[in-house]
Amino acid sequence: MRVASVISLCFLVFSSSVAQEKKDYREVWAYAGGWFSTEDGKTWMELSFNIYHDNRGRPIQFKEVKRTKEYVEIYDASRKLSVRLFEAKTEWKKDGKDEWSPLLTGQWRKLGGIMKIERLDPSSVKVGWEGKLTIHGKNFGEAGYVSIESIPPKNDVVFPKIESWTADKIIVYVTKAVTDKAGIKRLVVHNKAGDFAKTFWSVKK
């Protein structure tokens, strides 16, 4: 009986280890000034300063079409463009082309893997609020930018003005463009090195 229990325990430990090895953490690929990200492994978004200004604040959407050990391939049907996300680079090609061309250098990142957001002050606001929002946390690193968008996403990403940035505190100025409607907002801190941390913020009626 004891032998059977030991065997069962060993099997469970082995199964758990295999499951952890198989889990794929490739959800965010960051480059200088922007990133590709997914939350469901199906739809990907690309957002950067240039895209924000050129595309009226709307991220570019991709659909994941292939995932291997070497890369994740995503496709933008509107531009008929394929992108492959590798460990340290990306490649692209248009429909009808055979060769892939270099695009960006960067790397896979984990949200919250390095920096950490501990709390927001104020923790919630009312519709129409405007003022300074303080982000408290750890390891924010060198100044990058902060983005705020609705949940679920509605192509309304806003980059509030940064008042100050230190390793454990960031102060941004939030305008009424962010708080014009009630709901849950997703706030993401993105430093210069490409590290991310995210949290949620509430706008109440």
Foldseek 3Di string as FASTA:
>chain_A
DVVVVVVVVVVVVVVVVVVVVPDDQQAWWFAQFWIWGDDPQFKIWIDGPVCCVVVVLFTQIWTFDDDDPAWTWTARPVQQKIWTGGAFFIWIDHPPDDDIHTDGTTHGAHAVPAWEFDAKVVQAEEQQDWFKIKTFTAQLDAADWKWKAFVVGDSQIDTFAWPDDDRTMTIGTDGNSRRNDWHKMKMWRAHRNGHIYIDIGTYHD
